[in-house]
Protein backbone atom coordinates (compact mmCIF):
# COMPACT_ATOMS: atom_id res chain seq x y z
CA UNK A 1 -97.65 -24.77 -15.28
CA UNK A 2 -94.26 -24.17 -17.79
CA UNK A 3 -92.01 -20.93 -17.81
CA UNK A 4 -92.57 -18.67 -20.46
CA UNK A 5 -89.46 -17.94 -22.93
CA UNK A 6 -89.28 -14.37 -22.49
CA UNK A 7 -89.01 -14.65 -18.72
CA UNK A 8 -85.99 -17.04 -18.71
CA UNK A 9 -82.87 -15.91 -16.52
CA UNK A 10 -79.91 -14.66 -19.63
CA UNK A 11 -76.66 -16.39 -18.63
CA UNK A 12 -73.82 -14.44 -18.56
CA UNK A 13 -70.98 -15.37 -21.03
CA UNK A 14 -68.17 -16.90 -19.38
CA UNK A 15 -64.81 -14.35 -18.55
CA UNK A 16 -61.67 -15.04 -20.33
CA UNK A 17 -58.75 -16.17 -18.51
CA UNK A 18 -57.41 -12.95 -18.69
CA UNK A 19 -60.36 -11.02 -17.14
CA UNK A 20 -60.02 -13.19 -14.16
CA UNK A 21 -56.67 -12.67 -13.14
CA UNK A 22 -55.49 -10.09 -10.87
CA UNK A 23 -53.38 -7.03 -13.04
CA UNK A 24 -49.85 -7.63 -12.43
CA UNK A 25 -50.36 -11.77 -13.74
CA UNK A 26 -51.83 -10.11 -17.17
CA UNK A 27 -50.00 -10.87 -20.35
CA UNK A 28 -47.19 -8.69 -21.35
CA UNK A 29 -46.81 -7.69 -17.56
CA UNK A 30 -44.03 -7.41 -16.13
CA UNK A 31 -42.14 -6.74 -13.12
CA UNK A 32 -39.20 -4.11 -13.12
CA UNK A 33 -36.34 -5.16 -12.02
CA UNK A 34 -34.39 -3.40 -9.57
CA UNK A 35 -30.88 -3.87 -7.22
CA UNK A 36 -30.61 -4.04 -3.66
CA UNK A 37 -28.44 -2.46 -1.38
CA UNK A 38 -26.94 -2.65 2.40
CA UNK A 39 -28.96 -0.12 4.14
CA UNK A 40 -25.82 0.94 5.84
CA UNK A 41 -22.94 0.94 3.71
CA UNK A 42 -25.19 1.26 0.29
CA UNK A 43 -23.42 -2.43 -0.62
CA UNK A 44 -25.03 -3.99 -3.51
CA UNK A 45 -26.69 -7.14 -2.53
CA UNK A 46 -28.99 -8.87 -4.86
CA UNK A 47 -31.49 -8.21 -8.09
CA UNK A 48 -34.77 -8.74 -7.28
CA UNK A 49 -38.82 -7.21 -8.73
CA UNK A 50 -40.92 -4.96 -7.25
CA UNK A 51 -44.13 -5.66 -5.71
CA UNK A 52 -47.25 -5.20 -6.93
CA UNK A 53 -49.64 -2.63 -5.65
CA UNK A 54 -53.18 -5.21 -5.04
CA UNK A 55 -55.31 -1.94 -4.92
CA UNK A 56 -54.12 0.59 -7.54
CA UNK A 57 -53.59 -1.30 -10.97
CA UNK A 58 -50.39 0.14 -12.79
CA UNK A 59 -48.89 0.86 -9.47
CA UNK A 60 -45.05 -1.10 -8.91
CA UNK A 61 -43.84 -0.99 -5.19
CA UNK A 62 -40.65 -0.46 -4.74
CA UNK A 63 -38.93 -2.06 -1.90
CA UNK A 64 -36.77 0.39 0.85
CA UNK A 65 -33.19 0.76 0.05
CA UNK A 66 -33.14 -0.41 -3.96
CA UNK A 67 -32.88 1.18 -7.42
CA UNK A 68 -33.84 0.44 -10.70
CA UNK A 69 -30.40 0.22 -12.55
CA UNK A 70 -28.36 -2.00 -13.81
CA UNK A 71 -26.64 -4.66 -11.69
CA UNK A 72 -23.07 -3.94 -11.08
CA UNK A 73 -20.44 -5.86 -12.48
CA UNK A 74 -18.29 -7.36 -9.36
CA UNK A 75 -14.97 -8.81 -9.06
CA UNK A 76 -13.44 -11.31 -6.90
CA UNK A 77 -12.04 -9.40 -3.87
CA UNK A 78 -14.47 -5.70 -4.51
CA UNK A 79 -17.88 -4.70 -3.75
CA UNK A 80 -20.24 -2.12 -5.67
CA UNK A 81 -21.59 0.34 -3.28
CA UNK A 82 -24.17 2.83 -4.71
CA UNK A 83 -23.81 6.60 -6.01
CA UNK A 84 -24.85 9.42 -3.85
CA UNK A 85 -26.81 10.50 -6.66
CA UNK A 86 -28.69 6.60 -6.47
CA UNK A 87 -28.03 6.09 -10.58
CA UNK A 88 -24.65 4.28 -10.49
CA UNK A 89 -21.86 2.28 -8.46
CA UNK A 90 -18.26 2.83 -6.84
CA UNK A 91 -16.41 -0.15 -7.07
CA UNK A 92 -14.35 -1.12 -4.34
CA UNK A 93 -11.35 -3.29 -2.73
CA UNK A 94 -13.12 -5.50 -0.56
CA UNK A 95 -11.22 -7.39 2.49
CA UNK A 96 -12.92 -8.51 4.45
CA UNK A 97 -12.33 -11.67 6.56
CA UNK A 98 -8.80 -11.16 5.40
CA UNK A 99 -5.85 -10.65 7.89
CA UNK A 100 -4.54 -7.64 8.12
CA UNK A 101 -1.64 -6.54 9.80
CA UNK A 102 -0.30 -3.62 11.39
CA UNK A 103 2.64 -1.77 9.82
CA UNK A 104 3.95 -0.81 13.49
CA UNK A 105 3.95 -3.53 15.80
CA UNK A 106 3.00 -6.08 12.83
CA UNK A 107 0.26 -7.55 14.99
CA UNK A 108 -2.32 -9.35 12.90
CA UNK A 109 -5.90 -8.43 13.33
CA UNK A 110 -9.52 -9.57 10.79
CA UNK A 111 -10.44 -7.15 8.37
CA UNK A 112 -13.88 -6.65 8.72
CA UNK A 113 -14.08 -2.94 6.35
CA UNK A 114 -15.16 -1.99 2.70
CA UNK A 115 -12.70 -0.23 1.29
CA UNK A 116 -9.25 0.62 0.72
CA UNK A 117 -6.80 -0.25 4.10
CA UNK A 118 -5.63 2.24 6.38
CA UNK A 119 -2.77 3.93 6.80
CA UNK A 120 -1.32 1.61 8.99
CA UNK A 121 -2.42 -1.43 7.81
CA UNK A 122 -1.10 -4.03 5.34
CA UNK A 123 -2.42 -7.50 3.89
CA UNK A 124 1.71 -8.61 4.27
CA UNK A 125 2.40 -10.67 6.72
CA UNK A 126 6.13 -10.07 8.65
CA UNK A 127 8.36 -13.07 8.54
CA UNK A 128 9.62 -12.73 11.17
CA UNK A 129 8.80 -11.00 14.68
CA UNK A 130 11.76 -9.10 13.66
CA UNK A 131 10.99 -7.45 11.15
CA UNK A 132 9.82 -3.83 10.83
CA UNK A 133 7.94 -1.93 8.34
CA UNK A 134 9.93 0.32 6.02
CA UNK A 135 8.41 1.65 2.61
CA UNK A 136 6.01 -1.20 1.17
CA UNK A 137 8.01 -4.08 3.17
CA UNK A 138 8.56 -6.21 5.66
CA UNK A 139 12.40 -5.65 6.20
CA UNK A 140 14.42 -7.54 8.99
CA UNK A 141 15.23 -5.38 12.33
CA UNK A 142 18.79 -6.06 13.17
CA UNK A 143 18.91 -4.94 16.21
CA UNK A 144 16.38 -6.20 17.45
CA UNK A 145 17.45 -9.65 16.22
CA UNK A 146 20.90 -8.57 18.13
CA UNK A 147 18.25 -8.17 21.09
CA UNK A 148 16.93 -10.99 21.02
CA UNK A 149 19.64 -13.32 21.18
CA UNK A 150 21.90 -10.62 23.30
CA UNK A 151 18.41 -12.06 26.49
CA UNK A 152 18.77 -15.16 25.32
CA UNK A 153 22.10 -15.71 25.84
CA UNK A 154 21.75 -14.06 29.50
CA UNK A 155 19.13 -16.10 30.48
CA UNK A 156 20.98 -19.37 29.09
CA UNK A 157 24.23 -17.79 31.52
CA UNK A 158 21.93 -16.85 33.95
CA UNK A 159 20.94 -20.51 33.98
CA UNK A 160 23.57 -22.11 33.41
CA UNK A 161 25.49 -20.49 36.36
CA UNK A 162 22.37 -21.85 38.87
CA UNK A 163 23.03 -25.02 37.80
CA UNK A 164 26.84 -24.76 38.59
CA UNK A 165 26.33 -23.66 41.75
CA UNK A 166 23.94 -26.63 42.64
CA UNK A 167 26.01 -29.25 41.74
CA UNK A 168 28.95 -27.20 43.32
CA UNK A 169 27.04 -26.62 46.66
CA UNK A 170 26.62 -30.36 46.60
CA UNK A 171 30.02 -31.39 45.93
CA UNK A 172 30.98 -29.07 48.35
CA UNK A 173 29.06 -30.73 50.76
CA UNK A 174 31.00 -33.95 50.37
CA UNK A 175 34.05 -32.41 50.93
CA UNK A 176 33.34 -30.89 53.89
CA UNK A 177 32.13 -33.69 55.45
CA UNK A 178 35.69 -35.63 54.47
CA UNK A 179 33.15 -38.00 52.25
CA UNK A 180 34.51 -37.05 48.59
CA UNK A 181 35.74 -39.79 46.20
CA UNK A 182 38.88 -38.08 44.09
CA UNK A 183 36.24 -37.94 40.94
CA UNK A 184 33.49 -35.89 42.79
CA UNK A 185 36.69 -33.31 44.17
CA UNK A 186 38.00 -33.01 40.74
CA UNK A 187 34.64 -32.63 39.49
CA UNK A 188 33.65 -29.72 42.09
CA UNK A 189 36.65 -28.33 40.96
CA UNK A 190 36.01 -28.41 37.82
CA UNK A 191 32.66 -26.77 38.08
CA UNK A 192 34.55 -23.66 39.88
CA UNK A 193 36.19 -23.31 36.76
CA UNK A 194 33.61 -23.46 34.34
CA UNK A 195 31.21 -20.91 36.45
CA UNK A 196 34.22 -18.27 36.42
CA UNK A 197 34.76 -18.62 33.60
CA UNK A 198 30.77 -17.97 33.23
CA UNK A 199 30.87 -15.12 34.55
CA UNK A 200 33.67 -13.53 33.05
CA UNK A 201 31.43 -13.67 29.71
CA UNK A 202 30.52 -9.82 28.68
CA UNK A 203 26.92 -10.36 27.67
CA UNK A 204 26.09 -6.49 28.13
CA UNK A 205 25.45 -5.54 24.55
CA UNK A 206 25.78 -9.32 22.18
CA UNK A 207 25.10 -12.74 22.43
CA UNK A 208 28.86 -14.13 22.38
CA UNK A 209 29.47 -16.82 19.34
CA UNK A 210 28.31 -20.53 20.08
CA UNK A 211 32.39 -20.44 20.64
CA UNK A 212 32.83 -18.62 23.19
CA UNK A 213 30.93 -20.51 25.40
CA UNK A 214 32.77 -22.65 27.61
CA UNK A 215 32.73 -26.75 28.13
CA UNK A 216 30.99 -27.60 31.28
CA UNK A 217 32.25 -30.59 33.39
CA UNK A 218 29.15 -32.07 31.30
CA UNK A 219 27.64 -30.37 28.89
CA UNK A 220 25.55 -33.27 28.09
CA UNK A 221 22.88 -32.91 31.90
CA UNK A 222 23.57 -29.26 31.24
CA UNK A 223 21.89 -28.78 28.05
CA UNK A 224 18.80 -31.44 29.90
CA UNK A 225 18.95 -29.15 32.36
CA UNK A 226 18.55 -26.45 30.56
CA UNK A 227 15.80 -27.38 28.20
CA UNK A 228 13.38 -28.59 30.80
CA UNK A 229 13.64 -24.85 32.57
CA UNK A 230 12.65 -23.31 28.89
CA UNK A 231 9.88 -25.58 28.59
């Protein structure tokens, strides 16, 4: 028996697409933009969108350490920090990753913090190991240069004297044993004279000038030996 037309079930009209979408995907809904900052320093990181609440229509969920303000304009070498009120930015120098130098010793180190360099540090590199910091710049430390040269000269004098003594000892053995040639006997005297002249050099306050050093009987051999001792 056919169904009575009056008893037919009414089929509901299909839902519009907008009615099928969650509230945050409805036409005209734009998620708020927020600025995210570092939890420790307050440094601006990026812009992102707030998350929609799946159970509260019209409610947006904001991430921790985010602020609904305009993003800052950050130039190279600077960083933006959220201010205390959370409604603006403080632009500070950013030297992170740069090499800085202590003004006390000129020692380099890699900088890791935001903001101005504290007193005692500079981005200027010293030109030499003998520079010292004066005012706002490095200047040569003349006293340190003189002392460094004196120390090198003193070491050269000591090493040259050791070499001369070694040559004298060997040649003296030949003479004592009546085995020395005329050339060896002359060399013995020459090395003794050189050692005496070397000992008379005054290196207590400054380094001698190049012309003040006595000539040895064999400058080439002496220079090669000195070079081998300083490498």
